[in-house]
Amino acid sequence: MRKKLRIAQIAPLWFAIPPKKYGGIERIVSFLTEELVRRGHDVTLFASGDSKTKAKLISVYPESLIKAEYNWQDPVWNLENLSEVFKKANDFDILHSHLDFWTLPFQDLTKTPVLHTLHNQLYKASITREGERKPARIQIFEKHKKETSAVFISKSQRLKSAVKFPQSWIIYNGIDISKFKFNPKPQNHFIWIARIDPFKGIENAIRAAEITGAKLLLAGRLDPNKEEYFKKKIKPRLSRKIRYVGELSQNELSEFYGSARALLYPIEWEEPFGLVMVEAMACGTPVIVFDRGSAKEVVKNGESGFVVKNIEEIVKAMKKVDQIDRLKCRKRVENHFAYQKMVSKYEKLYYKLIKK
């Protein structure tokens, strides 16, 4: 029998663990933390003070930074969080960071293995013109790549990464399927859900609904820096058929997903994973998604939705989406994207890194 591990989970402080609404990274951290505790490991969660966990909670700030109205660009408290982690590094068998590049300069300060899950894109597209200086984020990853143990959350994310790590693995994100009720009989409307941002494809979804005359419900977090975009580009196109319902809580998601004929997800970026696609399929709802990023890995084309290239193909897919067997959508999530499978893969990786 393998020994129980002393594990540090290092979360960003922007949202509480688990998040009440928006917060994909935070949701994954919560699944990992709680399941590892359930399996008998000694887990310490470094997160905001308003987090809820069965692990030991260590906080350098009493509430989530978004709630405290800190600017997204302000690194101070996340750096303080890392300082606290590495003061205690020798108390752990492994440190698991979800803080992107912020942890890299600290990892040389300890002999305790550090694992990084790369939740955000690290793509070549980040480098604009030949000869132009690479963004600082790419530079810092390249500087530390030899000693970095990295987890990518999709094959696409690793393939398109601007940085090639000598040590890297692929572990798909997982969800708590029990929180999403299967609905075999949807209503006659489509949905889009994400953070309100042009690259998330909200305007493409609206355009497809306008062409087909379909009813479309839009949901997602609207950050203050996107309010002007929403006012100019989205609000004028809202109508009786195309409505924005705001940001939804975890308890509201199941009904939102399950009642829809399909999730429209015509993204304009290389999505590293896309939890909303998995959550929709868990409710039996097919996904119509642009062929960007992880789309083909998450959605099985023709079986759990349609992976398409443009608005014209979205429109065609919307007309035939009822051909998709909604039960197969649910089964795909059960077989590939349950959080227990994700945790088992991380657990196996922890033991591998500790042996080195």
Protein backbone atom coordinates (compact mmCIF):
# COMPACT_ATOMS: atom_id res chain seq x y z
CA MET A 1 0.00 0.00 0.00
CA ARG A 2 1.40 3.40 -0.98
CA LYS A 3 2.08 5.94 1.73
CA LYS A 4 -0.31 8.82 2.19
CA LEU A 5 1.09 12.06 0.85
CA ARG A 6 1.45 15.53 2.30
CA ILE A 7 0.17 17.70 -0.54
CA ALA A 8 0.00 21.47 -0.95
CA GLN A 9 -2.62 22.74 -3.39
CA ILE A 10 -1.79 26.32 -4.37
CA ALA A 11 -4.81 28.20 -5.71
CA PRO A 12 -5.15 31.69 -7.18
CA LEU A 13 -6.83 34.05 -4.73
CA TRP A 14 -9.24 35.71 -7.15
CA PHE A 15 -12.22 33.51 -6.26
CA ALA A 16 -13.09 31.37 -3.26
CA ILE A 17 -12.65 27.59 -3.39
CA PRO A 18 -15.07 26.32 -4.59
CA PRO A 19 -16.40 29.32 -6.54
CA LYS A 20 -20.05 30.24 -6.10
CA LYS A 21 -20.33 31.19 -9.77
CA TYR A 22 -17.50 31.85 -12.26
CA GLY A 23 -14.15 30.14 -11.61
CA GLY A 24 -13.09 27.15 -13.70
CA ILE A 25 -9.60 26.86 -12.20
CA GLU A 26 -10.99 27.17 -8.69
CA ARG A 27 -13.55 24.44 -9.36
CA ILE A 28 -10.80 22.06 -10.52
CA VAL A 29 -8.69 22.88 -7.44
CA SER A 30 -11.69 22.12 -5.23
CA PHE A 31 -12.34 18.73 -6.88
CA LEU A 32 -8.68 17.81 -6.50
CA THR A 33 -8.43 18.94 -2.90
CA GLU A 34 -11.60 17.31 -1.59
CA GLU A 35 -11.07 14.00 -3.38
CA LEU A 36 -7.45 13.76 -2.23
CA VAL A 37 -8.62 14.33 1.36
CA ARG A 38 -11.29 11.65 0.89
CA ARG A 39 -8.55 9.25 -0.24
CA GLY A 40 -6.70 9.81 3.02
CA HIS A 41 -3.96 12.23 1.98
CA ASP A 42 -2.85 15.11 4.21
CA VAL A 43 -3.80 18.10 2.05
CA THR A 44 -3.24 21.79 2.72
CA LEU A 45 -5.06 24.30 0.55
CA PHE A 46 -3.47 27.73 0.10
CA ALA A 47 -6.45 29.87 -0.95
CA SER A 48 -8.57 32.86 0.00
CA GLY A 49 -9.95 32.97 3.54
CA ASP A 50 -13.57 32.57 2.45
CA SER A 51 -12.83 29.16 0.88
CA LYS A 52 -14.57 26.01 2.13
CA THR A 53 -12.62 22.76 2.33
CA LYS A 54 -12.08 19.59 4.35
CA ALA A 55 -8.34 20.13 3.91
CA LYS A 56 -6.27 22.41 6.13
CA LEU A 57 -6.80 25.96 4.85
CA ILE A 58 -4.02 28.55 4.93
CA SER A 59 -4.90 32.07 3.81
CA VAL A 60 -2.93 35.27 3.48
CA TYR A 61 -6.06 37.28 2.69
CA PRO A 62 -9.49 36.92 4.38
CA GLU A 63 -11.63 36.95 1.23
CA SER A 64 -11.38 36.47 -2.51
CA LEU A 65 -9.59 39.30 -4.28
CA ILE A 66 -12.45 39.90 -6.73
CA LYS A 67 -14.83 40.31 -3.78
CA ALA A 68 -12.33 42.74 -2.24
CA GLU A 69 -12.31 44.60 -5.58
CA TYR A 70 -8.63 44.14 -6.40
CA ASN A 71 -7.54 44.73 -9.98
CA TRP A 72 -6.82 41.59 -12.05
CA GLN A 73 -3.32 42.90 -12.76
CA ASP A 74 -2.37 43.33 -9.10
CA PRO A 75 -0.05 40.43 -8.12
CA VAL A 76 0.68 41.42 -4.52
CA TRP A 77 -1.48 38.97 -2.55
CA ASN A 78 -0.85 36.03 -4.87
CA LEU A 79 2.89 36.62 -4.39
CA GLU A 80 2.36 36.76 -0.63
CA ASN A 81 0.48 33.47 -0.94
CA LEU A 82 3.46 31.89 -2.72
CA SER A 83 5.83 33.24 -0.08
CA GLU A 84 3.77 31.47 2.58
CA VAL A 85 3.80 28.22 0.58
CA PHE A 86 7.55 28.13 0.11
CA LYS A 87 8.27 28.98 3.75
CA LYS A 88 6.51 25.71 4.52
CA ALA A 89 7.75 23.74 1.48
CA ASN A 90 9.71 21.19 3.52
CA ASP A 91 6.49 20.19 5.30
CA PHE A 92 5.16 18.64 2.08
CA ASP A 93 5.92 15.75 -0.24
CA ILE A 94 4.74 17.73 -3.26
CA LEU A 95 3.58 21.24 -4.13
CA HIS A 96 0.90 21.54 -6.81
CA SER A 97 0.60 25.03 -8.28
CA HIS A 98 -2.32 26.44 -10.27
CA LEU A 99 -0.82 29.95 -10.48
CA ASP A 100 0.58 29.93 -14.01
CA PHE A 101 4.07 31.48 -14.24
CA TRP A 102 4.04 33.09 -10.79
CA THR A 103 5.40 29.97 -9.06
CA LEU A 104 8.33 29.41 -11.43
CA PRO A 105 10.94 31.70 -9.77
CA PHE A 106 10.17 30.14 -6.36
CA GLN A 107 10.57 26.48 -7.26
CA ASP A 108 14.37 26.50 -7.06
CA LEU A 109 14.12 27.46 -3.38
CA THR A 110 13.10 23.94 -2.32
CA LYS A 111 13.93 20.32 -3.00
CA THR A 112 10.24 19.42 -2.67
CA PRO A 113 8.88 18.55 -6.16
CA VAL A 114 6.68 21.25 -7.69
CA LEU A 115 3.99 20.37 -10.23
CA HIS A 116 2.41 23.08 -12.39
CA THR A 117 -0.99 22.71 -14.07
CA LEU A 118 -1.15 25.13 -17.00
CA HIS A 119 -4.77 26.23 -17.04
CA ASN A 120 -4.17 29.09 -19.48
CA GLN A 121 -2.96 29.23 -23.06
CA LEU A 122 0.77 29.30 -23.76
CA TYR A 123 0.55 29.46 -27.52
CA LYS A 124 2.82 30.57 -30.33
CA ALA A 125 0.16 33.12 -31.21
CA SER A 126 1.36 35.02 -28.15
CA ILE A 127 4.46 35.93 -30.21
CA THR A 128 3.29 38.45 -32.77
CA ARG A 129 5.93 39.37 -35.37
CA GLU A 130 9.24 37.74 -36.19
CA GLY A 131 12.08 39.46 -34.38
CA GLU A 132 9.76 41.15 -31.90
CA ARG A 133 10.53 40.59 -28.23
CA LYS A 134 8.63 37.67 -26.77
CA PRO A 135 6.08 38.47 -24.06
CA ALA A 136 7.53 38.32 -20.55
CA ARG A 137 5.27 35.41 -19.66
CA ILE A 138 6.74 33.29 -22.48
CA GLN A 139 10.25 34.36 -21.51
CA ILE A 140 9.84 33.30 -17.87
CA PHE A 141 8.47 29.89 -18.87
CA GLU A 142 11.38 29.36 -21.26
CA LYS A 143 13.90 30.37 -18.59
CA HIS A 144 12.56 27.74 -16.15
CA LYS A 145 11.41 25.03 -18.58
CA LYS A 146 14.20 22.51 -17.83
CA GLU A 147 13.32 22.20 -14.16
CA THR A 148 9.55 22.54 -14.63
CA SER A 149 7.12 19.63 -14.37
CA ALA A 150 4.08 20.75 -16.37
CA VAL A 151 0.59 19.38 -16.85
CA PHE A 152 -1.33 20.46 -19.94
CA ILE A 153 -5.10 20.09 -19.86
CA SER A 154 -5.41 19.01 -23.51
CA LYS A 155 -3.28 17.59 -26.31
CA SER A 156 -3.99 20.70 -28.36
CA GLN A 157 -2.71 22.95 -25.59
CA ARG A 158 0.60 21.07 -25.44
CA LEU A 159 0.96 20.82 -29.22
CA LYS A 160 0.50 24.56 -29.69
CA SER A 161 2.54 25.64 -26.70
CA ALA A 162 5.25 28.18 -27.42
CA VAL A 163 7.39 26.46 -24.76
CA LYS A 164 8.45 22.82 -24.95
CA PHE A 165 8.99 21.32 -21.51
CA PRO A 166 11.29 18.28 -21.10
CA GLN A 167 8.80 16.99 -18.52
CA SER A 168 5.11 17.35 -19.36
CA TRP A 169 1.91 15.33 -19.16
CA ILE A 170 -1.70 15.66 -20.31
CA ILE A 171 -4.52 15.36 -17.78
CA TYR A 172 -8.02 16.39 -18.81
CA ASN A 173 -10.14 18.43 -16.43
CA GLY A 174 -13.04 16.68 -14.75
CA ILE A 175 -16.40 17.65 -13.28
CA ASP A 176 -18.73 16.36 -10.58
CA ILE A 177 -21.28 14.64 -12.81
CA SER A 178 -23.72 14.24 -9.91
CA LYS A 179 -24.26 18.02 -9.97
CA PHE A 180 -25.60 17.88 -13.54
CA LYS A 181 -28.98 16.26 -14.13
CA PHE A 182 -29.52 14.45 -17.43
CA ASN A 183 -32.41 15.93 -19.44
CA PRO A 184 -33.63 13.78 -22.37
CA LYS A 185 -36.35 16.27 -23.40
CA PRO A 186 -35.03 19.82 -23.93
CA GLN A 187 -37.02 22.92 -24.72
CA ASN A 188 -36.84 24.69 -28.08
CA HIS A 189 -33.92 27.06 -27.52
CA PHE A 190 -30.11 27.25 -27.68
CA ILE A 191 -27.62 28.57 -25.14
CA TRP A 192 -24.22 30.23 -24.92
CA ILE A 193 -22.29 30.51 -21.66
CA ALA A 194 -18.83 31.85 -20.82
CA ARG A 195 -17.16 34.96 -19.49
CA ILE A 196 -18.39 37.89 -21.59
CA ASP A 197 -15.50 38.44 -23.99
CA PRO A 198 -15.20 38.66 -27.80
CA PHE A 199 -12.86 35.66 -28.03
CA LYS A 200 -15.45 33.44 -26.32
CA GLY A 201 -17.62 33.73 -29.43
CA ILE A 202 -20.69 35.47 -28.04
CA GLU A 203 -21.17 37.55 -31.19
CA ASN A 204 -20.90 34.45 -33.39
CA ALA A 205 -23.57 32.71 -31.33
CA ILE A 206 -25.87 35.72 -31.66
CA ARG A 207 -25.29 35.85 -35.41
CA ALA A 208 -26.21 32.19 -35.80
CA ALA A 209 -29.40 32.75 -33.81
CA GLU A 210 -30.28 35.79 -35.91
CA ILE A 211 -29.86 33.80 -39.13
CA THR A 212 -31.94 30.85 -37.96
CA GLY A 213 -34.49 32.83 -35.97
CA ALA A 214 -33.80 30.57 -33.00
CA LYS A 215 -34.26 31.53 -29.37
CA LEU A 216 -30.90 32.00 -27.63
CA LEU A 217 -30.13 32.45 -23.94
CA LEU A 218 -26.77 34.02 -23.05
CA ALA A 219 -25.19 33.56 -19.62
CA GLY A 220 -21.87 34.39 -18.01
CA ARG A 221 -19.81 36.72 -15.89
CA LEU A 222 -19.58 40.34 -17.03
CA ASP A 223 -16.39 41.89 -15.65
CA PRO A 224 -16.24 45.68 -15.20
CA ASN A 225 -13.63 46.04 -17.98
CA LYS A 226 -16.04 44.42 -20.45
CA GLU A 227 -19.10 46.50 -19.63
CA GLU A 228 -18.42 48.96 -22.45
CA TYR A 229 -18.01 46.07 -24.93
CA PHE A 230 -21.30 44.57 -23.75
CA LYS A 231 -23.07 47.93 -24.00
CA LYS A 232 -21.87 48.60 -27.57
CA LYS A 233 -21.70 45.16 -29.16
CA ILE A 234 -24.11 42.87 -27.31
CA LYS A 235 -26.92 44.84 -25.70
CA PRO A 236 -28.19 46.37 -29.01
CA ARG A 237 -28.67 42.84 -30.39
CA LEU A 238 -30.71 41.55 -27.47
CA SER A 239 -34.40 40.98 -28.12
CA ARG A 240 -37.39 38.89 -27.13
CA LYS A 241 -35.63 35.86 -28.66
CA ILE A 242 -32.02 36.65 -27.69
CA ARG A 243 -31.68 37.32 -23.97
CA TYR A 244 -28.84 37.73 -21.47
CA VAL A 245 -29.71 36.06 -18.15
CA GLY A 246 -26.58 37.04 -16.21
CA GLU A 247 -24.08 34.96 -14.28
CA LEU A 248 -25.43 31.68 -12.94
CA SER A 249 -24.68 29.81 -9.72
CA GLN A 250 -23.70 26.14 -9.61
CA ASN A 251 -27.27 25.26 -8.60
CA GLU A 252 -28.70 27.03 -11.66
CA LEU A 253 -26.36 25.49 -14.23
CA SER A 254 -27.97 22.07 -14.54
CA GLU A 255 -31.36 23.46 -15.55
CA PHE A 256 -29.76 26.00 -17.88
CA TYR A 257 -27.73 23.38 -19.75
CA GLY A 258 -30.27 20.58 -19.70
CA SER A 259 -33.19 22.60 -21.03
CA ALA A 260 -31.33 23.60 -24.22
CA ARG A 261 -31.30 21.89 -27.60
CA ALA A 262 -27.57 22.64 -27.85
CA LEU A 263 -24.76 24.78 -26.49
CA LEU A 264 -23.35 27.15 -29.12
CA TYR A 265 -19.64 27.67 -28.46
CA PRO A 266 -18.13 29.38 -31.54
CA ILE A 267 -14.90 30.41 -29.84
CA GLU A 268 -12.35 32.76 -31.42
CA TRP A 269 -9.29 31.46 -29.56
CA GLU A 270 -7.38 28.25 -28.88
CA GLU A 271 -9.38 27.08 -25.86
CA PRO A 272 -7.10 25.00 -23.58
CA PHE A 273 -10.02 22.87 -22.38
CA GLY A 274 -13.50 24.36 -22.02
CA LEU A 275 -15.39 23.13 -18.94
CA VAL A 276 -18.70 24.49 -20.23
CA MET A 277 -18.65 21.94 -23.06
CA VAL A 278 -18.30 19.07 -20.59
CA GLU A 279 -20.96 20.48 -18.26
CA ALA A 280 -23.42 20.80 -21.15
CA MET A 281 -22.80 17.25 -22.36
CA ALA A 282 -23.24 15.94 -18.79
CA CYS A 283 -26.82 17.20 -18.98
CA GLY A 284 -27.28 15.51 -22.35
CA THR A 285 -26.94 18.74 -24.29
CA PRO A 286 -24.90 18.55 -27.52
CA VAL A 287 -22.23 21.14 -28.24
CA ILE A 288 -21.76 23.03 -31.50
CA VAL A 289 -18.24 24.41 -31.35
CA PHE A 290 -15.69 26.01 -33.66
CA ASP A 291 -12.70 23.80 -34.43
CA ARG A 292 -10.31 25.66 -32.14
CA GLY A 293 -8.14 24.46 -29.28
CA SER A 294 -9.40 21.35 -27.50
CA ALA A 295 -12.76 21.18 -29.33
CA LYS A 296 -12.12 17.85 -31.09
CA GLU A 297 -10.81 16.27 -27.91
CA VAL A 298 -13.79 17.25 -25.79
CA VAL A 299 -16.61 16.93 -28.33
CA LYS A 300 -16.84 13.81 -30.49
CA ASN A 301 -17.99 15.18 -33.84
CA GLY A 302 -21.33 13.72 -34.92
CA GLU A 303 -21.84 11.90 -31.62
CA SER A 304 -21.85 14.46 -28.79
CA GLY A 305 -22.19 17.52 -30.99
CA PHE A 306 -20.64 19.10 -34.06
CA VAL A 307 -17.18 20.59 -34.52
CA VAL A 308 -17.52 23.22 -37.26
CA LYS A 309 -15.44 25.86 -39.03
CA ASN A 310 -17.70 28.88 -39.61
CA ILE A 311 -21.10 30.49 -39.04
CA GLU A 312 -22.59 28.75 -42.08
CA GLU A 313 -21.69 25.36 -40.62
CA ILE A 314 -23.09 26.38 -37.21
CA VAL A 315 -26.42 27.14 -38.87
CA LYS A 316 -26.45 23.75 -40.61
CA ALA A 317 -25.55 22.01 -37.35
CA MET A 318 -28.33 23.79 -35.46
CA LYS A 319 -30.86 22.40 -37.93
CA LYS A 320 -29.74 18.80 -37.42
CA VAL A 321 -28.69 18.86 -33.77
CA ASP A 322 -31.76 16.86 -32.70
CA GLN A 323 -30.19 13.86 -34.46
CA ILE A 324 -27.63 13.66 -31.65
CA ASP A 325 -28.38 11.03 -29.00
CA ARG A 326 -28.39 13.01 -25.76
CA LEU A 327 -27.61 9.90 -23.72
CA LYS A 328 -24.33 9.51 -25.66
CA CYS A 329 -23.40 13.03 -24.61
CA ARG A 330 -23.83 12.05 -20.98
CA LYS A 331 -21.91 8.80 -21.45
CA ARG A 332 -18.98 10.63 -23.03
CA VAL A 333 -18.57 12.72 -19.90
CA GLU A 334 -18.93 9.71 -17.62
CA ASN A 335 -16.26 7.83 -19.58
CA HIS A 336 -13.70 10.63 -20.01
CA PHE A 337 -14.34 13.69 -17.84
CA ALA A 338 -15.39 12.61 -14.34
CA TYR A 339 -13.30 14.38 -11.70
CA GLN A 340 -12.44 11.05 -10.02
CA LYS A 341 -10.52 10.01 -13.15
CA MET A 342 -8.71 13.33 -13.17
CA VAL A 343 -7.69 12.99 -9.52
CA SER A 344 -6.44 9.42 -10.04
CA LYS A 345 -4.13 10.62 -12.80
CA TYR A 346 -2.76 13.44 -10.66
CA GLU A 347 -2.30 11.08 -7.73
CA LYS A 348 -0.30 8.67 -9.91
CA LEU A 349 1.83 11.58 -11.16
CA TYR A 350 2.53 12.79 -7.62
CA TYR A 351 4.03 9.41 -6.72
CA LYS A 352 6.09 9.41 -9.90
CA LEU A 353 7.59 12.84 -9.20
CA ILE A 354 8.32 12.05 -5.55
CA LYS A 355 10.35 8.97 -6.51
CA LYS A 356 12.74 11.01 -8.67
